[in-house]
Amino acid sequence: MRKKRQLCRLTFGLGGHAFAILKRLDSEAKLTGIDRDPESLLKVNEVLEKDKRFSFINDKFGNIQNHFDPKSLDGILVDLGISSNQLDNPERGFSFQLKGPLDMRMSQSDKVSAETWINKSTKEEIAKVLWEVGEERHSRKISDSICRERELSPINTTQRLSEIILASKPRRSKKHPATNVFRAIRMEVNSELQELQSLLVSAGKLLREGGRLAVISFHSLEDRIVKRFVQGKSLDGQNFSFKKVGPKHFKPSQEEVIRNPRSRSAILRVVERIS
C-alpha cells in the first residue's frame, strides 16, 4: 500500500468508523469525513479534532467529486444508514417511536421537510414514493388516509403520521407498520437514492488503480443499486473496471447484531478498481 494514502468516509455520523480507520493509518495518510449534517462535526471525538490527518467537509456525499481530483483516492467507505444521534433525537423527526416535529431533513439548511412534502404532495406522488422507495404494499391506502387527514389539519408531528399509518394497515409482523413509510419519506426528502447514484458514478472517477470502494447499505433498494455497480453495470453510460473483494457481500455476525441491533439489516459490498 502507498504511504500517503488518501481516504474518504461517507457519511461521518458519530465518527466511530473514522476513529478505527485512523488507528490503522500511518502518519502521512489523510482521512476526510463528509456529512451533510453539520451536527456531525459537533459529535466528533476529541481525538479526531486533534488529529492532523483528519479533515471534515460539511456537504452531501453526492458532491464528493467537487472536493477531490480524479484518481486521487485510495479508498472510499460509505455508510448509508441514518446515525443514532439523528434517529434518537425527537426534534429531528426521523423516528415514529418518538414524538416530535415531522422534519426528517439530514441538514436543517435544506428547504423541504417531511412536513412540507407530506402536506403538499399529491395523493399519486405519495403513493408512488411509498410503493417504489418504501416497497410498501399498502401504499395507496396509506396515501388516501394521509390526504384525507391533512384536509382536517396539517400533519406536522411524527406521532400523528404514525397514528394515521397504524389505522391504515394491519399489523401482521414484528416490524412496526410505519417502518417502510417513514423510511420512504426520509429517503425522498433527502434525495438519498439520487445521492447514492451520484456517489457511485463519482467513485469510478476518483479512485486510483487499486483503490477500493466499500458500501454499507441497510435497505434492499439501495443494495440493488450498489449491486448493479459492483457487477460492472453502468449507471450513466460509463463502464468502470472493478473487481469484487472477498465474498459477494458481508453481513454482521450474530455477536454484532446482539451488541448493535440496528446493524441487523446491514450489507457490505467491496470492490477494487483494476484499471
Foldseek 3Di string as FASTA:
>chain_A
DDQAAEEEEPACALNPVVVVVVVVHDLNYAYEHEFQAPVNVVNYDPVQVPRPRYYYDNDQLLCVLVPAAWQRHQEYEYELDDHPVLAVDQQNQLDLVHKYWQALESYPPQDDGLLNCLLPPDLVVQLVLLCPVLVQPQSNQLSVQSNVVVVVPRDTISPVSLVSQPVRDDDDDPDRSCVSSSRSSSCVSHVSLVSLLSNLVSCLGHHHAFGKYKYKDQDPVSVVVVLCVQVQNDPPPDGFAKHWDDPQWDADDPVVCVVPVSRRRIIMTMIGGHD
